[in-house]
C-alpha atoms as a PDB file:
ATOM      1  CA  UNK A   1      25.113   5.418   1.543  1.00  0.00           C
ATOM      2  CA  UNK A   2      25.542   8.202  -1.063  1.00  0.00           C
ATOM      3  CA  UNK A   3      26.506   5.713  -3.766  1.00  0.00           C
ATOM      4  CA  UNK A   4      23.409   3.577  -3.067  1.00  0.00           C
ATOM      5  CA  UNK A   5      21.195   6.661  -3.056  1.00  0.00           C
ATOM      6  CA  UNK A   6      22.629   7.869  -6.364  1.00  0.00           C
ATOM      7  CA  UNK A   7      22.205   4.415  -7.907  1.00  0.00           C
ATOM      8  CA  UNK A   8      18.578   4.182  -6.753  1.00  0.00           C
ATOM      9  CA  UNK A   9      17.830   7.662  -8.047  1.00  0.00           C
ATOM     10  CA  UNK A  10      19.418   6.847 -11.418  1.00  0.00           C
ATOM     11  CA  UNK A  11      17.333   3.682 -11.714  1.00  0.00           C
ATOM     12  CA  UNK A  12      14.145   5.570 -10.883  1.00  0.00           C
ATOM     13  CA  UNK A  13      14.907   8.312 -13.413  1.00  0.00           C
ATOM     14  CA  UNK A  14      15.616   5.685 -16.064  1.00  0.00           C
ATOM     15  CA  UNK A  15      12.227   4.106 -15.386  1.00  0.00           C
ATOM     16  CA  UNK A  16      10.553   7.493 -15.667  1.00  0.00           C
ATOM     17  CA  UNK A  17      12.218   8.116 -19.012  1.00  0.00           C
ATOM     18  CA  UNK A  18      10.980   4.741 -20.226  1.00  0.00           C
ATOM     19  CA  UNK A  19       7.351   5.787 -19.693  1.00  0.00           C
ATOM     20  CA  UNK A  20       7.677   7.917 -22.820  1.00  0.00           C
ATOM     21  CA  UNK A  21       7.147   5.726 -25.875  1.00  0.00           C
ATOM     22  CA  UNK A  22      10.204   5.215 -28.125  1.00  0.00           C
ATOM     23  CA  UNK A  23      10.421   7.314 -31.280  1.00  0.00           C
ATOM     24  CA  UNK A  24       9.496   4.379 -33.538  1.00  0.00           C
ATOM     25  CA  UNK A  25       6.512   3.369 -31.401  1.00  0.00           C
ATOM     26  CA  UNK A  26       3.087   4.770 -32.331  1.00  0.00           C
ATOM     27  CA  UNK A  27       2.201   7.604 -30.018  1.00  0.00           C
ATOM     28  CA  UNK A  28      -1.125   7.109 -28.190  1.00  0.00           C
ATOM     29  CA  UNK A  29      -1.973  10.814 -28.378  1.00  0.00           C
ATOM     30  CA  UNK A  30      -2.281  10.593 -32.173  1.00  0.00           C
ATOM     31  CA  UNK A  31      -5.461   8.565 -31.744  1.00  0.00           C
ATOM     32  CA  UNK A  32      -6.858  10.134 -28.621  1.00  0.00           C
ATOM     33  CA  UNK A  33     -10.646   9.991 -28.756  1.00  0.00           C
ATOM     34  CA  UNK A  34     -11.435  13.324 -27.194  1.00  0.00           C
ATOM     35  CA  UNK A  35      -9.846  16.360 -25.619  1.00  0.00           C
ATOM     36  CA  UNK A  36      -8.751  16.666 -22.025  1.00  0.00           C
ATOM     37  CA  UNK A  37     -11.368  18.310 -19.832  1.00  0.00           C
ATOM     38  CA  UNK A  38      -9.466  19.829 -16.870  1.00  0.00           C
ATOM     39  CA  UNK A  39     -11.034  20.880 -13.611  1.00  0.00           C
ATOM     40  CA  UNK A  40     -11.083  24.705 -13.387  1.00  0.00           C
ATOM     41  CA  UNK A  41      -8.291  25.899 -11.150  1.00  0.00           C
ATOM     42  CA  UNK A  42      -6.505  22.515 -11.127  1.00  0.00           C
ATOM     43  CA  UNK A  43      -2.748  23.287 -11.133  1.00  0.00           C
ATOM     44  CA  UNK A  44      -2.109  20.094 -13.090  1.00  0.00           C
ATOM     45  CA  UNK A  45      -4.324  21.216 -15.976  1.00  0.00           C
ATOM     46  CA  UNK A  46      -1.563  23.221 -17.673  1.00  0.00           C
ATOM     47  CA  UNK A  47       1.055  20.444 -17.563  1.00  0.00           C
ATOM     48  CA  UNK A  48       2.612  19.684 -20.955  1.00  0.00           C
ATOM     49  CA  UNK A  49       0.267  22.161 -22.666  1.00  0.00           C
ATOM     50  CA  UNK A  50       0.552  22.264 -26.456  1.00  0.00           C
ATOM     51  CA  UNK A  51      -0.715  25.210 -28.489  1.00  0.00           C
ATOM     52  CA  UNK A  52      -2.638  26.353 -25.449  1.00  0.00           C
ATOM     53  CA  UNK A  53      -4.430  23.002 -24.991  1.00  0.00           C
ATOM     54  CA  UNK A  54      -3.149  20.391 -22.499  1.00  0.00           C
ATOM     55  CA  UNK A  55      -2.488  16.969 -23.984  1.00  0.00           C
ATOM     56  CA  UNK A  56      -4.574  14.303 -22.222  1.00  0.00           C
ATOM     57  CA  UNK A  57      -1.880  11.623 -22.163  1.00  0.00           C
ATOM     58  CA  UNK A  58       0.861  13.953 -20.979  1.00  0.00           C
ATOM     59  CA  UNK A  59      -1.301  15.403 -18.223  1.00  0.00           C
ATOM     60  CA  UNK A  60      -2.361  11.936 -17.057  1.00  0.00           C
ATOM     61  CA  UNK A  61       1.259  10.781 -17.031  1.00  0.00           C
ATOM     62  CA  UNK A  62       2.314  13.760 -14.922  1.00  0.00           C
ATOM     63  CA  UNK A  63      -0.541  13.194 -12.453  1.00  0.00           C
ATOM     64  CA  UNK A  64       0.456   9.558 -11.984  1.00  0.00           C
ATOM     65  CA  UNK A  65       4.134  10.434 -11.496  1.00  0.00           C
ATOM     66  CA  UNK A  66       3.253  13.085  -8.928  1.00  0.00           C
ATOM     67  CA  UNK A  67       1.060  10.648  -7.020  1.00  0.00           C
ATOM     68  CA  UNK A  68       3.788   7.985  -6.994  1.00  0.00           C
ATOM     69  CA  UNK A  69       6.333  10.550  -5.828  1.00  0.00           C
ATOM     70  CA  UNK A  70       4.143  11.231  -2.785  1.00  0.00           C
ATOM     71  CA  UNK A  71       3.746   7.554  -1.817  1.00  0.00           C
ATOM     72  CA  UNK A  72       3.389   4.091  -3.392  1.00  0.00           C
ATOM     73  CA  UNK A  73      -0.109   3.445  -4.723  1.00  0.00           C
ATOM     74  CA  UNK A  74      -2.101   0.659  -6.310  1.00  0.00           C
ATOM     75  CA  UNK A  75      -3.385   0.863  -9.863  1.00  0.00           C
ATOM     76  CA  UNK A  76      -6.908   1.240  -8.479  1.00  0.00           C
ATOM     77  CA  UNK A  77      -5.898   4.281  -6.418  1.00  0.00           C
ATOM     78  CA  UNK A  78      -4.170   5.885  -9.398  1.00  0.00           C
ATOM     79  CA  UNK A  79      -7.180   5.218 -11.616  1.00  0.00           C
ATOM     80  CA  UNK A  80      -9.439   6.907  -9.057  1.00  0.00           C
ATOM     81  CA  UNK A  81      -7.120   9.919  -8.892  1.00  0.00           C
ATOM     82  CA  UNK A  82      -7.192  10.283 -12.682  1.00  0.00           C
ATOM     83  CA  UNK A  83     -10.986  10.141 -12.670  1.00  0.00           C
ATOM     84  CA  UNK A  84     -11.040  12.875 -10.044  1.00  0.00           C
ATOM     85  CA  UNK A  85      -8.998  14.946 -12.496  1.00  0.00           C
ATOM     86  CA  UNK A  86     -11.550  14.338 -15.277  1.00  0.00           C
ATOM     87  CA  UNK A  87      -9.208  12.073 -17.227  1.00  0.00           C
ATOM     88  CA  UNK A  88     -11.045   9.903 -19.805  1.00  0.00           C
ATOM     89  CA  UNK A  89     -10.977   6.235 -18.812  1.00  0.00           C
ATOM     90  CA  UNK A  90      -9.328   5.083 -22.056  1.00  0.00           C
ATOM     91  CA  UNK A  91      -6.541   7.628 -21.621  1.00  0.00           C
ATOM     92  CA  UNK A  92      -6.079   6.591 -17.985  1.00  0.00           C
ATOM     93  CA  UNK A  93      -5.815   2.897 -18.882  1.00  0.00           C
ATOM     94  CA  UNK A  94      -3.320   3.576 -21.675  1.00  0.00           C
ATOM     95  CA  UNK A  95      -1.092   5.597 -19.333  1.00  0.00           C
ATOM     96  CA  UNK A  96      -1.375   3.067 -16.499  1.00  0.00           C
ATOM     97  CA  UNK A  97      -0.553   0.244 -18.906  1.00  0.00           C
ATOM     98  CA  UNK A  98       2.586   2.098 -19.952  1.00  0.00           C
ATOM     99  CA  UNK A  99       3.563   2.708 -16.321  1.00  0.00           C
ATOM    100  CA  UNK A 100       3.002  -0.969 -15.530  1.00  0.00           C
ATOM    101  CA  UNK A 101       5.158  -2.007 -18.478  1.00  0.00           C
ATOM    102  CA  UNK A 102       8.172  -0.171 -17.030  1.00  0.00           C
ATOM    103  CA  UNK A 103       7.500  -1.287 -13.450  1.00  0.00           C
ATOM    104  CA  UNK A 104       6.289   1.979 -11.940  1.00  0.00           C
ATOM    105  CA  UNK A 105       2.798   0.565 -11.362  1.00  0.00           C
ATOM    106  CA  UNK A 106       2.991  -2.929  -9.864  1.00  0.00           C
ATOM    107  CA  UNK A 107       0.198  -4.120  -7.590  1.00  0.00           C
ATOM    108  CA  UNK A 108       2.088  -7.238  -6.537  1.00  0.00           C
ATOM    109  CA  UNK A 109       5.067  -5.199  -5.348  1.00  0.00           C
ATOM    110  CA  UNK A 110       2.735  -2.646  -3.776  1.00  0.00           C
ATOM    111  CA  UNK A 111       0.838  -5.350  -1.869  1.00  0.00           C
ATOM    112  CA  UNK A 112       4.077  -6.824  -0.529  1.00  0.00           C
ATOM    113  CA  UNK A 113       5.285  -3.405   0.590  1.00  0.00           C
ATOM    114  CA  UNK A 114       1.982  -2.600   2.277  1.00  0.00           C
ATOM    115  CA  UNK A 115       1.889  -5.918   4.140  1.00  0.00           C
ATOM    116  CA  UNK A 116       5.462  -5.551   5.390  1.00  0.00           C
ATOM    117  CA  UNK A 117       4.939  -1.979   6.555  1.00  0.00           C
ATOM    118  CA  UNK A 118       1.657  -2.764   8.333  1.00  0.00           C
ATOM    119  CA  UNK A 119       3.179  -5.801  10.015  1.00  0.00           C
ATOM    120  CA  UNK A 120       6.175  -3.841  11.245  1.00  0.00           C
ATOM    121  CA  UNK A 121       4.394  -0.615  12.134  1.00  0.00           C
ATOM    122  CA  UNK A 122       1.060  -1.808  13.485  1.00  0.00           C
ATOM    123  CA  UNK A 123       1.547  -5.525  14.059  1.00  0.00           C
ATOM    124  CA  UNK A 124      -1.419  -6.445  11.862  1.00  0.00           C
ATOM    125  CA  UNK A 125      -2.298 -10.079  11.157  1.00  0.00           C
ATOM    126  CA  UNK A 126      -3.678 -11.637   7.979  1.00  0.00           C
ATOM    127  CA  UNK A 127      -7.337 -10.770   8.465  1.00  0.00           C
ATOM    128  CA  UNK A 128      -6.619  -7.088   9.074  1.00  0.00           C
ATOM    129  CA  UNK A 129      -4.031  -7.049   6.287  1.00  0.00           C
ATOM    130  CA  UNK A 130      -6.628  -8.462   3.890  1.00  0.00           C
ATOM    131  CA  UNK A 131      -8.923  -5.544   4.783  1.00  0.00           C
ATOM    132  CA  UNK A 132      -6.099  -3.069   4.173  1.00  0.00           C
ATOM    133  CA  UNK A 133      -5.349  -4.538   0.748  1.00  0.00           C
ATOM    134  CA  UNK A 134      -9.026  -4.524  -0.188  1.00  0.00           C
ATOM    135  CA  UNK A 135      -9.353  -0.906   0.891  1.00  0.00           C
ATOM    136  CA  UNK A 136      -6.406   0.043  -1.330  1.00  0.00           C
ATOM    137  CA  UNK A 137      -7.993  -1.648  -4.326  1.00  0.00           C
ATOM    138  CA  UNK A 138      -5.665  -4.646  -4.615  1.00  0.00           C
ATOM    139  CA  UNK A 139      -7.468  -7.488  -6.392  1.00  0.00           C
ATOM    140  CA  UNK A 140      -8.309 -10.680  -4.499  1.00  0.00           C
ATOM    141  CA  UNK A 141      -5.871 -12.904  -6.402  1.00  0.00           C
ATOM    142  CA  UNK A 142      -2.902 -10.612  -5.748  1.00  0.00           C
ATOM    143  CA  UNK A 143      -3.914 -10.137  -2.122  1.00  0.00           C
ATOM    144  CA  UNK A 144      -4.249 -13.885  -1.565  1.00  0.00           C
ATOM    145  CA  UNK A 145      -0.827 -14.599  -3.052  1.00  0.00           C
ATOM    146  CA  UNK A 146       0.748 -11.923  -0.869  1.00  0.00           C
ATOM    147  CA  UNK A 147      -0.935 -13.092   2.336  1.00  0.00           C
ATOM    148  CA  UNK A 148       0.026 -16.718   1.708  1.00  0.00           C
ATOM    149  CA  UNK A 149       3.671 -15.700   2.043  1.00  0.00           C
ATOM    150  CA  UNK A 150       3.175 -14.803   5.724  1.00  0.00           C
ATOM    151  CA  UNK A 151       4.879 -17.251   8.072  1.00  0.00           C
ATOM    152  CA  UNK A 152       2.475 -18.451  10.830  1.00  0.00           C
ATOM    153  CA  UNK A 153       5.328 -18.618  13.336  1.00  0.00           C
ATOM    154  CA  UNK A 154       6.256 -15.011  12.600  1.00  0.00           C
ATOM    155  CA  UNK A 155       2.633 -13.991  13.104  1.00  0.00           C
ATOM    156  CA  UNK A 156       2.510 -15.721  16.472  1.00  0.00           C
ATOM    157  CA  UNK A 157       5.754 -14.003  17.490  1.00  0.00           C
ATOM    158  CA  UNK A 158       4.260 -10.603  16.593  1.00  0.00           C
ATOM    159  CA  UNK A 159       1.173 -11.376  18.679  1.00  0.00           C
ATOM    160  CA  UNK A 160       3.365 -12.331  21.648  1.00  0.00           C
ATOM    161  CA  UNK A 161       5.354  -9.110  21.311  1.00  0.00           C
ATOM    162  CA  UNK A 162       2.178  -7.023  21.212  1.00  0.00           C
ATOM    163  CA  UNK A 163       0.805  -8.776  24.294  1.00  0.00           C
ATOM    164  CA  UNK A 164       4.051  -8.419  26.237  1.00  0.00           C
ATOM    165  CA  UNK A 165       4.221  -4.708  25.480  1.00  0.00           C
ATOM    166  CA  UNK A 166       0.585  -4.030  26.419  1.00  0.00           C
ATOM    167  CA  UNK A 167       0.730  -6.223  29.513  1.00  0.00           C
ATOM    168  CA  UNK A 168       3.342  -3.917  31.044  1.00  0.00           C
ATOM    169  CA  UNK A 169       0.718  -1.167  31.239  1.00  0.00           C
ATOM    170  CA  UNK A 170      -1.835  -3.461  32.951  1.00  0.00           C
ATOM    171  CA  UNK A 171       0.076  -4.231  36.121  1.00  0.00           C
ATOM    172  CA  UNK A 172      -2.245  -4.689  39.085  1.00  0.00           C
ATOM    173  CA  UNK A 173      -5.346  -5.617  37.082  1.00  0.00           C
ATOM    174  CA  UNK A 174      -7.098  -8.919  37.575  1.00  0.00           C
ATOM    175  CA  UNK A 175      -6.114 -11.633  35.065  1.00  0.00           C
ATOM    176  CA  UNK A 176      -9.651 -11.738  33.666  1.00  0.00           C
ATOM    177  CA  UNK A 177      -9.519  -8.003  32.938  1.00  0.00           C
ATOM    178  CA  UNK A 178      -6.085  -8.293  31.371  1.00  0.00           C
ATOM    179  CA  UNK A 179      -7.277 -11.197  29.243  1.00  0.00           C
ATOM    180  CA  UNK A 180     -10.343  -9.331  28.000  1.00  0.00           C
ATOM    181  CA  UNK A 181      -8.396  -6.210  27.049  1.00  0.00           C
ATOM    182  CA  UNK A 182      -5.564  -8.107  25.388  1.00  0.00           C
ATOM    183  CA  UNK A 183      -8.025 -10.257  23.428  1.00  0.00           C
ATOM    184  CA  UNK A 184      -9.784  -7.131  22.175  1.00  0.00           C
ATOM    185  CA  UNK A 185      -6.489  -5.607  21.090  1.00  0.00           C
ATOM    186  CA  UNK A 186      -5.430  -8.677  19.125  1.00  0.00           C
ATOM    187  CA  UNK A 187      -8.876  -9.072  17.549  1.00  0.00           C
ATOM    188  CA  UNK A 188      -8.727  -5.502  16.224  1.00  0.00           C
ATOM    189  CA  UNK A 189      -5.378  -6.318  14.651  1.00  0.00           C
ATOM    190  CA  UNK A 190      -6.793  -9.347  12.894  1.00  0.00           C
ATOM    191  CA  UNK A 191      -5.435 -12.244  14.957  1.00  0.00           C
ATOM    192  CA  UNK A 192      -7.601 -15.391  15.120  1.00  0.00           C
ATOM    193  CA  UNK A 193      -9.182 -16.108  18.507  1.00  0.00           C
ATOM    194  CA  UNK A 194      -7.415 -19.407  19.125  1.00  0.00           C
ATOM    195  CA  UNK A 195      -3.965 -17.967  18.509  1.00  0.00           C
ATOM    196  CA  UNK A 196      -4.769 -14.864  20.551  1.00  0.00           C
ATOM    197  CA  UNK A 197      -5.978 -16.787  23.591  1.00  0.00           C
ATOM    198  CA  UNK A 198      -3.018 -19.166  23.522  1.00  0.00           C
ATOM    199  CA  UNK A 199      -0.550 -16.263  23.470  1.00  0.00           C
ATOM    200  CA  UNK A 200      -2.453 -14.330  26.151  1.00  0.00           C
ATOM    201  CA  UNK A 201      -2.725 -17.283  28.542  1.00  0.00           C
ATOM    202  CA  UNK A 202       0.975 -17.960  28.220  1.00  0.00           C
ATOM    203  CA  UNK A 203       1.923 -14.314  28.795  1.00  0.00           C
ATOM    204  CA  UNK A 204      -0.295 -13.926  31.853  1.00  0.00           C
ATOM    205  CA  UNK A 205       0.883 -17.205  33.344  1.00  0.00           C
ATOM    206  CA  UNK A 206       4.510 -16.090  32.956  1.00  0.00           C
ATOM    207  CA  UNK A 207       3.913 -12.584  34.325  1.00  0.00           C
ATOM    208  CA  UNK A 208       5.833 -12.066  37.640  1.00  0.00           C
ATOM    209  CA  UNK A 209       2.767 -10.548  39.330  1.00  0.00           C
ATOM    210  CA  UNK A 210       0.806 -13.767  38.775  1.00  0.00           C
ATOM    211  CA  UNK A 211       3.545 -16.139  39.865  1.00  0.00           C
ATOM    212  CA  UNK A 212       2.829 -18.047  43.071  1.00  0.00           C
ATOM    213  CA  UNK A 213       5.366 -17.678  45.846  1.00  0.00           C
END
C-alpha cells in the first residue's frame, strides 16, 4: 500500500512540475495583456508575488492547483473559480490549456469519475447522471460519450438493488402503496418508467409478505 501511495504521489508531483513551461518555451507572462486585479483580502492574491505585484499566470496556476487538491473538477468549474478571483479570461484559458496538456484538467476523465461515483454512492441512472454532468459544466459531447458506456444490464441490477433495500422498510404496506413509493424513488434517480415498473413488479411479487400460502 505504501509503495503504491508513494508511486501515485510521485506521478502527481511530476505532473505538477510539468505545468511550468520548459526553459526554452516562451513564457506566457512575458506577453500578458494586463495586470492581475486581486480581490481585497483574498489570501491567494499574494501567491508568487514578484516585486510586490502578483503575477497573473502564477496566481491562476496556484488557484487551479488548490482547487484540484480539494476535489476533481471540470474545466468549466475551474474557469468559474478563476473568474471569481478576478482572473482575466485570456490568462485563465492559457493556464487551463497548460493544465490540460499535462493531464491535470481532463473533462473526459472527470466525467467518468463522476458517473462511477454517483452510480456507486447514489445509484443514479443515465437521466440523473446527465443532469449531474450538465450541472458540473461537462459539454454535451463528452457527457454523451461517457453515458453511452453504461451497461443497461448493470443499470437494471442497480435499480433492483435499490428496490430490494427500500422494500425492507415498507413491510406491511399495501402493494399499491409500495409500488407508488418505489416508483417515485427510482424516478428521482433517473430510471425510465418501463424499467422501474418491471423491477418493482418483480420485487413485490417475490416478497415473502405477498406470497400466497
